[in-house]
Amino acid sequence: MRKELDARSPLYLQLREVIRGKIESGEYPPGTCIPSEHTLAETYGIHRLSVRSAISALIYEGLLKSVQGKGVFVLAEKVERDLDTLGGFKQTMLERNKTPSTRILMKALREAGKYYADLLGMEPEDPLYYIRRVCSSDGLPMSLEEVYIPYEMVPNLCDIDLGVFSIYDVYEFSGIHLARTEQTLDLTRLDAADAKLLELEADAAVMKFQGVSYDQQGRAVEFARTYTRGDTCSFYAHYRK
Protein backbone atom coordinates (compact mmCIF):
# COMPACT_ATOMS: atom_id res chain seq x y z
CA MET A 1 0.00 0.00 0.00
CA ARG A 2 1.43 3.36 -1.06
CA LYS A 3 1.89 5.98 1.66
CA GLU A 4 1.96 9.58 0.45
CA LEU A 5 4.24 12.29 1.82
CA ASP A 6 3.44 15.99 2.00
CA ALA A 7 4.67 17.63 -1.22
CA ARG A 8 4.96 21.04 0.46
CA SER A 9 8.37 20.23 2.01
CA PRO A 10 11.42 18.37 0.62
CA LEU A 11 10.48 14.71 0.24
CA TYR A 12 13.86 13.35 1.26
CA LEU A 13 13.70 15.27 4.56
CA GLN A 14 10.25 13.85 5.27
CA LEU A 15 11.39 10.32 4.49
CA ARG A 16 14.49 10.83 6.64
CA GLU A 17 12.26 11.62 9.61
CA VAL A 18 9.94 8.70 8.85
CA ILE A 19 12.88 6.29 8.88
CA ARG A 20 14.31 7.94 12.01
CA GLY A 21 10.96 7.49 13.74
CA LYS A 22 10.85 3.80 12.85
CA ILE A 23 14.36 3.36 14.24
CA GLU A 24 13.51 5.18 17.47
CA SER A 25 10.26 3.23 17.92
CA GLY A 26 12.01 -0.10 17.42
CA GLU A 27 10.17 -0.96 14.21
CA TYR A 28 13.60 -1.00 12.57
CA PRO A 29 15.72 -2.55 15.39
CA PRO A 30 19.55 -2.35 15.55
CA GLY A 31 21.33 -4.83 13.33
CA THR A 32 18.44 -5.26 10.90
CA CYS A 33 18.25 -4.20 7.27
CA ILE A 34 15.81 -1.44 6.32
CA PRO A 35 13.65 -1.82 3.18
CA SER A 36 15.45 -1.36 -0.13
CA GLU A 37 15.52 1.91 -2.03
CA HIS A 38 13.07 0.45 -4.54
CA THR A 39 10.66 -0.66 -1.81
CA LEU A 40 10.78 2.70 -0.03
CA ALA A 41 10.27 4.56 -3.31
CA GLU A 42 7.23 2.41 -4.10
CA THR A 43 5.85 2.64 -0.57
CA TYR A 44 6.00 6.44 -0.38
CA GLY A 45 5.54 7.30 -4.05
CA ILE A 46 8.79 9.22 -4.46
CA HIS A 47 11.86 9.03 -6.69
CA ARG A 48 14.70 6.73 -5.70
CA LEU A 49 17.10 9.69 -5.68
CA SER A 50 15.06 11.21 -2.84
CA VAL A 51 15.17 7.89 -1.01
CA ARG A 52 18.93 7.75 -1.50
CA SER A 53 19.35 11.29 -0.14
CA ALA A 54 17.31 10.44 2.97
CA ILE A 55 19.35 7.30 3.62
CA SER A 56 22.65 9.13 3.00
CA ALA A 57 21.70 11.75 5.59
CA LEU A 58 21.01 9.07 8.21
CA ILE A 59 24.26 7.28 7.36
CA TYR A 60 26.09 10.57 7.92
CA GLU A 61 24.36 10.91 11.32
CA GLY A 62 25.51 7.41 12.30
CA LEU A 63 22.04 5.85 12.45
CA LEU A 64 22.47 3.66 9.38
CA LYS A 65 25.33 1.78 7.75
CA SER A 66 25.51 0.70 4.11
CA VAL A 67 27.12 -2.66 3.38
CA GLN A 68 27.86 -3.24 -0.29
CA GLY A 69 25.90 -6.13 -1.70
CA LYS A 70 23.86 -6.63 1.48
CA GLY A 71 21.83 -3.49 2.12
CA VAL A 72 21.50 -0.69 4.66
CA PHE A 73 21.52 -1.65 8.32
CA VAL A 74 20.38 0.06 11.50
CA LEU A 75 23.16 0.83 13.96
CA ALA A 76 22.83 0.60 17.72
CA GLU A 77 22.77 3.81 19.72
CA LYS A 78 26.32 4.98 20.33
CA VAL A 79 27.65 4.70 23.85
CA GLU A 80 29.41 7.81 25.13
CA ARG A 81 32.63 7.26 27.03
CA ASP A 82 34.41 10.02 28.92
CA LEU A 83 38.12 10.04 28.13
CA ASP A 84 38.82 12.01 31.31
CA THR A 85 37.35 9.41 33.67
CA LEU A 86 39.05 6.18 34.63
CA GLY A 87 36.64 3.27 34.54
CA GLY A 88 36.44 -0.25 33.21
CA PHE A 89 34.23 -1.42 30.37
CA LYS A 90 31.75 -3.20 32.66
CA GLN A 91 31.35 -0.19 34.93
CA THR A 92 30.92 2.19 32.00
CA MET A 93 28.21 0.05 30.39
CA LEU A 94 26.29 -0.45 33.62
CA GLU A 95 26.27 3.31 34.22
CA ARG A 96 24.57 3.67 30.83
CA ASN A 97 21.99 0.93 31.49
CA LYS A 98 23.67 -1.45 29.06
CA THR A 99 24.33 -5.15 29.62
CA PRO A 100 28.09 -5.77 29.35
CA SER A 101 29.72 -9.09 28.56
CA THR A 102 33.23 -10.23 27.74
CA ARG A 103 34.59 -13.24 25.89
CA ILE A 104 38.09 -14.24 26.91
CA LEU A 105 40.08 -15.35 23.89
CA MET A 106 43.33 -15.89 25.78
CA LYS A 107 44.73 -15.55 29.30
CA ALA A 108 48.36 -16.57 29.59
CA LEU A 109 51.49 -15.99 31.64
CA ARG A 110 54.55 -14.99 29.62
CA GLU A 111 57.84 -13.14 29.88
CA ALA A 112 57.53 -9.40 29.54
CA GLY A 113 60.17 -8.98 26.84
CA LYS A 114 61.99 -5.71 26.35
CA TYR A 115 59.11 -3.69 24.84
CA TYR A 116 56.57 -4.32 27.60
CA ALA A 117 59.24 -4.33 30.30
CA ASP A 118 60.21 -0.78 29.34
CA LEU A 119 56.57 0.34 29.38
CA LEU A 120 55.77 -1.26 32.73
CA GLY A 121 59.06 -0.73 34.57
CA MET A 122 59.95 -4.43 34.67
CA GLU A 123 62.85 -6.63 33.70
CA PRO A 124 62.48 -8.37 30.32
CA GLU A 125 62.51 -11.82 31.97
CA ASP A 126 59.85 -10.91 34.55
CA PRO A 127 56.46 -12.60 34.09
CA LEU A 128 53.29 -10.78 33.12
CA TYR A 129 49.75 -11.75 32.25
CA TYR A 130 48.51 -11.36 28.71
CA ILE A 131 44.72 -11.12 28.31
CA ARG A 132 42.94 -10.89 24.97
CA ARG A 133 39.17 -10.45 25.00
CA VAL A 134 36.14 -9.16 23.11
CA CYS A 135 33.89 -6.73 25.00
CA SER A 136 30.22 -6.51 24.05
CA SER A 137 27.27 -4.33 25.03
CA ASP A 138 23.75 -5.76 24.80
CA GLY A 139 25.22 -8.59 22.74
CA LEU A 140 26.94 -6.33 20.20
CA PRO A 141 30.76 -6.62 20.07
CA MET A 142 32.26 -3.19 20.65
CA SER A 143 35.98 -3.66 21.21
CA LEU A 144 38.89 -6.07 21.03
CA GLU A 145 41.25 -5.63 23.96
CA GLU A 146 44.77 -6.77 24.81
CA VAL A 147 45.90 -6.18 28.38
CA TYR A 148 49.35 -6.77 29.90
CA ILE A 149 49.60 -6.88 33.70
CA PRO A 150 52.79 -7.54 35.72
CA TYR A 151 52.48 -10.82 37.61
CA GLU A 152 53.59 -9.22 40.87
CA MET A 153 50.58 -6.88 40.78
CA VAL A 154 47.97 -9.65 40.87
CA PRO A 155 49.71 -13.02 41.33
CA ASN A 156 46.38 -14.83 41.78
CA LEU A 157 44.91 -13.62 38.49
CA CYS A 158 45.28 -17.11 37.02
CA ASP A 159 42.70 -18.37 39.54
CA ILE A 160 40.08 -15.67 38.82
CA ASP A 161 37.36 -16.17 36.20
CA LEU A 162 37.42 -13.00 34.08
CA GLY A 163 34.08 -13.98 32.62
CA VAL A 164 32.57 -13.34 36.04
CA PHE A 165 34.78 -10.57 37.43
CA SER A 166 36.12 -7.56 35.55
CA ILE A 167 39.80 -6.63 35.58
CA TYR A 168 38.84 -3.62 37.70
CA ASP A 169 37.23 -6.04 40.19
CA VAL A 170 40.52 -7.92 40.33
CA TYR A 171 42.37 -4.70 41.10
CA GLU A 172 39.94 -3.92 43.89
CA PHE A 173 40.46 -7.41 45.34
CA SER A 174 44.21 -6.71 45.38
CA GLY A 175 43.89 -3.24 46.90
CA ILE A 176 45.00 -1.53 43.69
CA HIS A 177 43.40 1.82 42.88
CA LEU A 178 44.14 3.30 39.47
CA ALA A 179 44.90 7.00 39.56
CA ARG A 180 45.81 7.97 36.00
CA THR A 181 46.30 6.69 32.47
CA GLU A 182 48.59 8.01 29.76
CA GLN A 183 46.87 7.09 26.52
CA THR A 184 47.15 7.66 22.79
CA LEU A 185 44.49 7.41 20.08
CA ASP A 186 45.08 6.38 16.47
CA LEU A 187 43.08 5.06 13.57
CA THR A 188 44.08 1.66 12.22
CA ARG A 189 42.72 -1.26 10.23
CA LEU A 190 42.02 -4.79 11.43
CA ASP A 191 42.97 -7.93 9.59
CA ALA A 192 40.19 -10.26 8.46
CA ALA A 193 40.31 -12.48 11.56
CA ASP A 194 40.13 -9.64 14.07
CA ALA A 195 37.49 -7.78 12.05
CA LYS A 196 35.33 -10.90 12.15
CA LEU A 197 35.52 -10.90 15.97
CA LEU A 198 33.93 -7.44 15.95
CA GLU A 199 31.46 -8.35 13.18
CA LEU A 200 33.12 -5.93 10.79
CA GLU A 201 34.22 -6.29 7.21
CA ALA A 202 37.82 -7.28 6.52
CA ASP A 203 40.27 -4.35 6.59
CA ALA A 204 37.75 -2.27 8.56
CA ALA A 205 39.00 0.95 10.15
CA VAL A 206 38.77 1.18 13.94
CA MET A 207 39.98 3.43 16.74
CA LYS A 208 43.08 2.16 18.54
CA PHE A 209 43.60 3.28 22.13
CA GLN A 210 46.75 2.26 23.94
CA GLY A 211 48.42 3.39 27.11
CA VAL A 212 49.74 2.63 30.57
CA SER A 213 47.67 2.96 33.76
CA TYR A 214 49.25 3.85 37.09
CA ASP A 215 48.09 3.42 40.68
CA GLN A 216 48.17 5.98 43.49
CA GLN A 217 51.77 5.03 44.28
CA GLY A 218 52.83 5.74 40.71
CA ARG A 219 53.36 2.06 39.85
CA ALA A 220 52.60 0.94 36.31
CA VAL A 221 49.71 -1.51 36.72
CA GLU A 222 48.79 -2.36 33.14
CA PHE A 223 49.38 -1.65 29.49
CA ALA A 224 46.22 -1.90 27.41
CA ARG A 225 45.66 -1.83 23.67
CA THR A 226 42.04 -1.55 22.59
CA TYR A 227 40.52 -1.64 19.11
CA THR A 228 37.09 0.00 19.22
CA ARG A 229 34.34 0.17 16.62
CA GLY A 230 33.66 3.80 15.75
CA ASP A 231 30.03 3.02 14.86
CA THR A 232 29.19 1.90 18.40
CA CYS A 233 30.94 4.49 20.59
CA SER A 234 31.53 8.20 20.75
CA PHE A 235 34.17 9.67 23.01
CA TYR A 236 34.45 13.07 24.60
CA ALA A 237 37.14 14.91 26.53
CA HIS A 238 37.18 18.02 28.69
CA TYR A 239 39.67 20.81 28.04
CA ARG A 240 40.40 23.44 30.64
CA LYS A 241 42.44 26.59 30.34
C-alpha atoms as a PDB file:
ATOM      1  CA  MET A   1       0.000   0.000   0.000  1.00  0.00           C
ATOM      2  CA  ARG A   2       1.426   3.358  -1.063  1.00  0.00           C
ATOM      3  CA  LYS A   3       1.891   5.985   1.661  1.00  0.00           C
ATOM      4  CA  GLU A   4       1.962   9.583   0.454  1.00  0.00           C
ATOM      5  CA  LEU A   5       4.240  12.294   1.819  1.00  0.00           C
ATOM      6  CA  ASP A   6       3.443  15.993   2.000  1.00  0.00           C
ATOM      7  CA  ALA A   7       4.675  17.629  -1.219  1.00  0.00           C
ATOM      8  CA  ARG A   8       4.964  21.040   0.463  1.00  0.00           C
ATOM      9  CA  SER A   9       8.373  20.230   2.005  1.00  0.00           C
ATOM     10  CA  PRO A  10      11.424  18.369   0.623  1.00  0.00           C
ATOM     11  CA  LEU A  11      10.479  14.709   0.243  1.00  0.00           C
ATOM     12  CA  TYR A  12      13.858  13.353   1.264  1.00  0.00           C
ATOM     13  CA  LEU A  13      13.697  15.271   4.561  1.00  0.00           C
ATOM     14  CA  GLN A  14      10.249  13.854   5.275  1.00  0.00           C
ATOM     15  CA  LEU A  15      11.392  10.321   4.490  1.00  0.00           C
ATOM     16  CA  ARG A  16      14.493  10.830   6.637  1.00  0.00           C
ATOM     17  CA  GLU A  17      12.256  11.624   9.612  1.00  0.00           C
ATOM     18  CA  VAL A  18       9.939   8.696   8.846  1.00  0.00           C
ATOM     19  CA  ILE A  19      12.884   6.287   8.882  1.00  0.00           C
ATOM     20  CA  ARG A  20      14.314   7.936  12.007  1.00  0.00           C
ATOM     21  CA  GLY A  21      10.955   7.493  13.738  1.00  0.00           C
ATOM     22  CA  LYS A  22      10.854   3.800  12.846  1.00  0.00           C
ATOM     23  CA  ILE A  23      14.361   3.361  14.237  1.00  0.00           C
ATOM     24  CA  GLU A  24      13.510   5.176  17.472  1.00  0.00           C
ATOM     25  CA  SER A  25      10.262   3.234  17.920  1.00  0.00           C
ATOM     26  CA  GLY A  26      12.009  -0.097  17.421  1.00  0.00           C
ATOM     27  CA  GLU A  27      10.169  -0.962  14.210  1.00  0.00           C
ATOM     28  CA  TYR A  28      13.598  -1.005  12.570  1.00  0.00           C
ATOM     29  CA  PRO A  29      15.722  -2.550  15.389  1.00  0.00           C
ATOM     30  CA  PRO A  30      19.546  -2.348  15.546  1.00  0.00           C
ATOM     31  CA  GLY A  31      21.328  -4.833  13.334  1.00  0.00           C
ATOM     32  CA  THR A  32      18.437  -5.265  10.897  1.00  0.00           C
ATOM     33  CA  CYS A  33      18.250  -4.199   7.266  1.00  0.00           C
ATOM     34  CA  ILE A  34      15.808  -1.443   6.323  1.00  0.00           C
ATOM     35  CA  PRO A  35      13.650  -1.818   3.179  1.00  0.00           C
ATOM     36  CA  SER A  36      15.447  -1.361  -0.135  1.00  0.00           C
ATOM     37  CA  GLU A  37      15.515   1.914  -2.030  1.00  0.00           C
ATOM     38  CA  HIS A  38      13.070   0.445  -4.543  1.00  0.00           C
ATOM     39  CA  THR A  39      10.659  -0.665  -1.810  1.00  0.00           C
ATOM     40  CA  LEU A  40      10.779   2.699  -0.032  1.00  0.00           C
ATOM     41  CA  ALA A  41      10.267   4.557  -3.305  1.00  0.00           C
ATOM     42  CA  GLU A  42       7.234   2.409  -4.103  1.00  0.00           C
ATOM     43  CA  THR A  43       5.847   2.643  -0.575  1.00  0.00           C
ATOM     44  CA  TYR A  44       5.997   6.437  -0.378  1.00  0.00           C
ATOM     45  CA  GLY A  45       5.543   7.297  -4.055  1.00  0.00           C
ATOM     46  CA  ILE A  46       8.794   9.218  -4.457  1.00  0.00           C
ATOM     47  CA  HIS A  47      11.857   9.032  -6.693  1.00  0.00           C
ATOM     48  CA  ARG A  48      14.698   6.731  -5.701  1.00  0.00           C
ATOM     49  CA  LEU A  49      17.097   9.687  -5.683  1.00  0.00           C
ATOM     50  CA  SER A  50      15.057  11.206  -2.843  1.00  0.00           C
ATOM     51  CA  VAL A  51      15.173   7.887  -1.007  1.00  0.00           C
ATOM     52  CA  ARG A  52      18.932   7.751  -1.498  1.00  0.00           C
ATOM     53  CA  SER A  53      19.347  11.290  -0.138  1.00  0.00           C
ATOM     54  CA  ALA A  54      17.309  10.436   2.972  1.00  0.00           C
ATOM     55  CA  ILE A  55      19.354   7.304   3.618  1.00  0.00           C
ATOM     56  CA  SER A  56      22.655   9.133   3.003  1.00  0.00           C
ATOM     57  CA  ALA A  57      21.701  11.755   5.592  1.00  0.00           C
ATOM     58  CA  LEU A  58      21.013   9.066   8.211  1.00  0.00           C
ATOM     59  CA  ILE A  59      24.260   7.284   7.365  1.00  0.00           C
ATOM     60  CA  TYR A  60      26.086  10.573   7.922  1.00  0.00           C
ATOM     61  CA  GLU A  61      24.360  10.908  11.317  1.00  0.00           C
ATOM     62  CA  GLY A  62      25.512   7.412  12.297  1.00  0.00           C
ATOM     63  CA  LEU A  63      22.036   5.847  12.454  1.00  0.00           C
ATOM     64  CA  LEU A  64      22.474   3.662   9.377  1.00  0.00           C
ATOM     65  CA  LYS A  65      25.330   1.781   7.746  1.00  0.00           C
ATOM     66  CA  SER A  66      25.509   0.705   4.107  1.00  0.00           C
ATOM     67  CA  VAL A  67      27.119  -2.664   3.382  1.00  0.00           C
ATOM     68  CA  GLN A  68      27.860  -3.241  -0.289  1.00  0.00           C
ATOM     69  CA  GLY A  69      25.897  -6.126  -1.704  1.00  0.00           C
ATOM     70  CA  LYS A  70      23.865  -6.630   1.481  1.00  0.00           C
ATOM     71  CA  GLY A  71      21.829  -3.491   2.120  1.00  0.00           C
ATOM     72  CA  VAL A  72      21.505  -0.687   4.656  1.00  0.00           C
ATOM     73  CA  PHE A  73      21.523  -1.654   8.322  1.00  0.00           C
ATOM     74  CA  VAL A  74      20.382   0.063  11.503  1.00  0.00           C
ATOM     75  CA  LEU A  75      23.162   0.829  13.955  1.00  0.00           C
ATOM     76  CA  ALA A  76      22.834   0.604  17.715  1.00  0.00           C
ATOM     77  CA  GLU A  77      22.768   3.815  19.721  1.00  0.00           C
ATOM     78  CA  LYS A  78      26.320   4.981  20.331  1.00  0.00           C
ATOM     79  CA  VAL A  79      27.652   4.696  23.854  1.00  0.00           C
ATOM     80  CA  GLU A  80      29.407   7.806  25.128  1.00  0.00           C
ATOM     81  CA  ARG A  81      32.635   7.264  27.029  1.00  0.00           C
ATOM     82  CA  ASP A  82      34.412  10.020  28.923  1.00  0.00           C
ATOM     83  CA  LEU A  83      38.122  10.038  28.132  1.00  0.00           C
ATOM     84  CA  ASP A  84      38.821  12.014  31.309  1.00  0.00           C
ATOM     85  CA  THR A  85      37.351   9.410  33.672  1.00  0.00           C
ATOM     86  CA  LEU A  86      39.051   6.180  34.630  1.00  0.00           C
ATOM     87  CA  GLY A  87      36.643   3.273  34.537  1.00  0.00           C
ATOM     88  CA  GLY A  88      36.440  -0.254  33.214  1.00  0.00           C
ATOM     89  CA  PHE A  89      34.230  -1.423  30.369  1.00  0.00           C
ATOM     90  CA  LYS A  90      31.749  -3.202  32.660  1.00  0.00           C
ATOM     91  CA  GLN A  91      31.347  -0.189  34.929  1.00  0.00           C
ATOM     92  CA  THR A  92      30.921   2.194  32.001  1.00  0.00           C
ATOM     93  CA  MET A  93      28.212   0.053  30.385  1.00  0.00           C
ATOM     94  CA  LEU A  94      26.293  -0.454  33.619  1.00  0.00           C
ATOM     95  CA  GLU A  95      26.272   3.307  34.219  1.00  0.00           C
ATOM     96  CA  ARG A  96      24.571   3.667  30.832  1.00  0.00           C
ATOM     97  CA  ASN A  97      21.994   0.933  31.489  1.00  0.00           C
ATOM     98  CA  LYS A  98      23.671  -1.449  29.057  1.00  0.00           C
ATOM     99  CA  THR A  99      24.327  -5.148  29.619  1.00  0.00           C
ATOM    100  CA  PRO A 100      28.087  -5.774  29.351  1.00  0.00           C
ATOM    101  CA  SER A 101      29.722  -9.090  28.561  1.00  0.00           C
ATOM    102  CA  THR A 102      33.233 -10.234  27.743  1.00  0.00           C
ATOM    103  CA  ARG A 103      34.588 -13.238  25.889  1.00  0.00           C
ATOM    104  CA  ILE A 104      38.089 -14.240  26.909  1.00  0.00           C
ATOM    105  CA  LEU A 105      40.082 -15.354  23.887  1.00  0.00           C
ATOM    106  CA  MET A 106      43.329 -15.886  25.780  1.00  0.00           C
ATOM    107  CA  LYS A 107      44.727 -15.550  29.297  1.00  0.00           C
ATOM    108  CA  ALA A 108      48.356 -16.573  29.590  1.00  0.00           C
ATOM    109  CA  LEU A 109      51.488 -15.990  31.640  1.00  0.00           C
ATOM    110  CA  ARG A 110      54.549 -14.994  29.618  1.00  0.00           C
ATOM    111  CA  GLU A 111      57.842 -13.144  29.880  1.00  0.00           C
ATOM    112  CA  ALA A 112      57.530  -9.395  29.539  1.00  0.00           C
ATOM    113  CA  GLY A 113      60.171  -8.982  26.842  1.00  0.00           C
ATOM    114  CA  LYS A 114      61.992  -5.707  26.346  1.00  0.00           C
ATOM    115  CA  TYR A 115      59.114  -3.689  24.837  1.00  0.00           C
ATOM    116  CA  TYR A 116      56.568  -4.316  27.603  1.00  0.00           C
ATOM    117  CA  ALA A 117      59.242  -4.334  30.299  1.00  0.00           C
ATOM    118  CA  ASP A 118      60.206  -0.778  29.339  1.00  0.00           C
ATOM    119  CA  LEU A 119      56.566   0.337  29.376  1.00  0.00           C
ATOM    120  CA  LEU A 120      55.773  -1.262  32.734  1.00  0.00           C
ATOM    121  CA  GLY A 121      59.064  -0.725  34.574  1.00  0.00           C
ATOM    122  CA  MET A 122      59.955  -4.428  34.671  1.00  0.00           C
ATOM    123  CA  GLU A 123      62.850  -6.633  33.704  1.00  0.00           C
ATOM    124  CA  PRO A 124      62.485  -8.372  30.317  1.00  0.00           C
ATOM    125  CA  GLU A 125      62.513 -11.823  31.968  1.00  0.00           C
ATOM    126  CA  ASP A 126      59.847 -10.909  34.546  1.00  0.00           C
ATOM    127  CA  PRO A 127      56.459 -12.598  34.089  1.00  0.00           C
ATOM    128  CA  LEU A 128      53.293 -10.778  33.117  1.00  0.00           C
ATOM    129  CA  TYR A 129      49.749 -11.752  32.251  1.00  0.00           C
ATOM    130  CA  TYR A 130      48.510 -11.364  28.706  1.00  0.00           C
ATOM    131  CA  ILE A 131      44.725 -11.116  28.306  1.00  0.00           C
ATOM    132  CA  ARG A 132      42.937 -10.893  24.975  1.00  0.00           C
ATOM    133  CA  ARG A 133      39.166 -10.449  24.997  1.00  0.00           C
ATOM    134  CA  VAL A 134      36.141  -9.161  23.115  1.00  0.00           C
ATOM    135  CA  CYS A 135      33.890  -6.733  25.004  1.00  0.00           C
ATOM    136  CA  SER A 136      30.218  -6.512  24.046  1.00  0.00           C
ATOM    137  CA  SER A 137      27.274  -4.330  25.028  1.00  0.00           C
ATOM    138  CA  ASP A 138      23.747  -5.761  24.797  1.00  0.00           C
ATOM    139  CA  GLY A 139      25.223  -8.591  22.737  1.00  0.00           C
ATOM    140  CA  LEU A 140      26.942  -6.332  20.201  1.00  0.00           C
ATOM    141  CA  PRO A 141      30.762  -6.621  20.074  1.00  0.00           C
ATOM    142  CA  MET A 142      32.264  -3.192  20.653  1.00  0.00           C
ATOM    143  CA  SER A 143      35.984  -3.656  21.213  1.00  0.00           C
ATOM    144  CA  LEU A 144      38.885  -6.074  21.029  1.00  0.00           C
ATOM    145  CA  GLU A 145      41.254  -5.625  23.956  1.00  0.00           C
ATOM    146  CA  GLU A 146      44.771  -6.765  24.805  1.00  0.00           C
ATOM    147  CA  VAL A 147      45.903  -6.182  28.380  1.00  0.00           C
ATOM    148  CA  TYR A 148      49.352  -6.772  29.896  1.00  0.00           C
ATOM    149  CA  ILE A 149      49.600  -6.885  33.698  1.00  0.00           C
ATOM    150  CA  PRO A 150      52.788  -7.535  35.720  1.00  0.00           C
ATOM    151  CA  TYR A 151      52.485 -10.820  37.615  1.00  0.00           C
ATOM    152  CA  GLU A 152      53.595  -9.215  40.871  1.00  0.00           C
ATOM    153  CA  MET A 153      50.580  -6.884  40.783  1.00  0.00           C
ATOM    154  CA  VAL A 154      47.972  -9.651  40.871  1.00  0.00           C
ATOM    155  CA  PRO A 155      49.709 -13.019  41.331  1.00  0.00           C
ATOM    156  CA  ASN A 156      46.375 -14.834  41.785  1.00  0.00           C
ATOM    157  CA  LEU A 157      44.914 -13.618  38.486  1.00  0.00           C
ATOM    158  CA  CYS A 158      45.280 -17.108  37.023  1.00  0.00           C
ATOM    159  CA  ASP A 159      42.695 -18.372  39.539  1.00  0.00           C
ATOM    160  CA  ILE A 160      40.079 -15.666  38.818  1.00  0.00           C
ATOM    161  CA  ASP A 161      37.361 -16.165  36.204  1.00  0.00           C
ATOM    162  CA  LEU A 162      37.420 -12.996  34.082  1.00  0.00           C
ATOM    163  CA  GLY A 163      34.080 -13.983  32.617  1.00  0.00           C
ATOM    164  CA  VAL A 164      32.571 -13.339  36.040  1.00  0.00           C
ATOM    165  CA  PHE A 165      34.780 -10.568  37.426  1.00  0.00           C
ATOM    166  CA  SER A 166      36.125  -7.564  35.547  1.00  0.00           C
ATOM    167  CA  ILE A 167      39.797  -6.634  35.578  1.00  0.00           C
ATOM    168  CA  TYR A 168      38.841  -3.623  37.703  1.00  0.00           C
ATOM    169  CA  ASP A 169      37.227  -6.036  40.191  1.00  0.00           C
ATOM    170  CA  VAL A 170      40.521  -7.916  40.332  1.00  0.00           C
ATOM    171  CA  TYR A 171      42.375  -4.704  41.100  1.00  0.00           C
ATOM    172  CA  GLU A 172      39.941  -3.922  43.891  1.00  0.00           C
ATOM    173  CA  PHE A 173      40.457  -7.406  45.340  1.00  0.00           C
ATOM    174  CA  SER A 174      44.206  -6.712  45.376  1.00  0.00           C
ATOM    175  CA  GLY A 175      43.894  -3.237  46.897  1.00  0.00           C
ATOM    176  CA  ILE A 176      44.997  -1.532  43.693  1.00  0.00           C
ATOM    177  CA  HIS A 177      43.397   1.817  42.878  1.00  0.00           C
ATOM    178  CA  LEU A 178      44.144   3.297  39.474  1.00  0.00           C
ATOM    179  CA  ALA A 179      44.901   7.003  39.557  1.00  0.00           C
ATOM    180  CA  ARG A 180      45.810   7.970  35.999  1.00  0.00           C
ATOM    181  CA  THR A 181      46.297   6.687  32.473  1.00  0.00           C
ATOM    182  CA  GLU A 182      48.589   8.011  29.759  1.00  0.00           C
ATOM    183  CA  GLN A 183      46.865   7.088  26.522  1.00  0.00           C
ATOM    184  CA  THR A 184      47.154   7.660  22.789  1.00  0.00           C
ATOM    185  CA  LEU A 185      44.490   7.406  20.079  1.00  0.00           C
ATOM    186  CA  ASP A 186      45.084   6.378  16.475  1.00  0.00           C
ATOM    187  CA  LEU A 187      43.083   5.058  13.565  1.00  0.00           C
ATOM    188  CA  THR A 188      44.081   1.665  12.224  1.00  0.00           C
ATOM    189  CA  ARG A 189      42.718  -1.258  10.231  1.00  0.00           C
ATOM    190  CA  LEU A 190      42.015  -4.789  11.427  1.00  0.00           C
ATOM    191  CA  ASP A 191      42.967  -7.927   9.585  1.00  0.00           C
ATOM    192  CA  ALA A 192      40.194 -10.256   8.460  1.00  0.00           C
ATOM    193  CA  ALA A 193      40.312 -12.485  11.557  1.00  0.00           C
ATOM    194  CA  ASP A 194      40.128  -9.635  14.067  1.00  0.00           C
ATOM    195  CA  ALA A 195      37.492  -7.784  12.049  1.00  0.00           C
ATOM    196  CA  LYS A 196      35.332 -10.900  12.155  1.00  0.00           C
ATOM    197  CA  LEU A 197      35.523 -10.901  15.971  1.00  0.00           C
ATOM    198  CA  LEU A 198      33.931  -7.436  15.948  1.00  0.00           C
ATOM    199  CA  GLU A 199      31.456  -8.355  13.180  1.00  0.00           C
ATOM    200  CA  LEU A 200      33.124  -5.930  10.792  1.00  0.00           C
ATOM    201  CA  GLU A 201      34.221  -6.291   7.206  1.00  0.00           C
ATOM    202  CA  ALA A 202      37.822  -7.275   6.517  1.00  0.00           C
ATOM    203  CA  ASP A 203      40.270  -4.350   6.591  1.00  0.00           C
ATOM    204  CA  ALA A 204      37.753  -2.271   8.563  1.00  0.00           C
ATOM    205  CA  ALA A 205      39.002   0.951  10.147  1.00  0.00           C
ATOM    206  CA  VAL A 206      38.765   1.179  13.944  1.00  0.00           C
ATOM    207  CA  MET A 207      39.982   3.433  16.744  1.00  0.00           C
ATOM    208  CA  LYS A 208      43.076   2.162  18.542  1.00  0.00           C
ATOM    209  CA  PHE A 209      43.602   3.279  22.129  1.00  0.00           C
ATOM    210  CA  GLN A 210      46.751   2.263  23.940  1.00  0.00           C
ATOM    211  CA  GLY A 211      48.422   3.387  27.107  1.00  0.00           C
ATOM    212  CA  VAL A 212      49.738   2.627  30.566  1.00  0.00           C
ATOM    213  CA  SER A 213      47.666   2.960  33.762  1.00  0.00           C
ATOM    214  CA  TYR A 214      49.249   3.849  37.090  1.00  0.00           C
ATOM    215  CA  ASP A 215      48.087   3.425  40.681  1.00  0.00           C
ATOM    216  CA  GLN A 216      48.168   5.984  43.488  1.00  0.00           C
ATOM    217  CA  GLN A 217      51.774   5.033  44.283  1.00  0.00           C
ATOM    218  CA  GLY A 218      52.834   5.737  40.710  1.00  0.00           C
ATOM    219  CA  ARG A 219      53.357   2.063  39.846  1.00  0.00           C
ATOM    220  CA  ALA A 220      52.600   0.941  36.306  1.00  0.00           C
ATOM    221  CA  VAL A 221      49.706  -1.512  36.719  1.00  0.00           C
ATOM    222  CA  GLU A 222      48.794  -2.364  33.141  1.00  0.00           C
ATOM    223  CA  PHE A 223      49.384  -1.652  29.494  1.00  0.00           C
ATOM    224  CA  ALA A 224      46.222  -1.904  27.405  1.00  0.00           C
ATOM    225  CA  ARG A 225      45.663  -1.828  23.670  1.00  0.00           C
ATOM    226  CA  THR A 226      42.036  -1.547  22.592  1.00  0.00           C
ATOM    227  CA  TYR A 227      40.521  -1.640  19.114  1.00  0.00           C
ATOM    228  CA  THR A 228      37.087  -0.004  19.224  1.00  0.00           C
ATOM    229  CA  ARG A 229      34.344   0.175  16.619  1.00  0.00           C
ATOM    230  CA  GLY A 230      33.658   3.797  15.748  1.00  0.00           C
ATOM    231  CA  ASP A 231      30.034   3.018  14.856  1.00  0.00           C
ATOM    232  CA  THR A 232      29.190   1.901  18.402  1.00  0.00           C
ATOM    233  CA  CYS A 233      30.937   4.487  20.588  1.00  0.00           C
ATOM    234  CA  SER A 234      31.526   8.196  20.750  1.00  0.00           C
ATOM    235  CA  PHE A 235      34.173   9.672  23.015  1.00  0.00           C
ATOM    236  CA  TYR A 236      34.455  13.066  24.604  1.00  0.00           C
ATOM    237  CA  ALA A 237      37.135  14.905  26.526  1.00  0.00           C
ATOM    238  CA  HIS A 238      37.178  18.017  28.692  1.00  0.00           C
ATOM    239  CA  TYR A 239      39.665  20.810  28.042  1.00  0.00           C
ATOM    240  CA  ARG A 240      40.398  23.436  30.645  1.00  0.00           C
ATOM    241  CA  LYS A 241      42.437  26.590  30.345  1.00  0.00           C
END
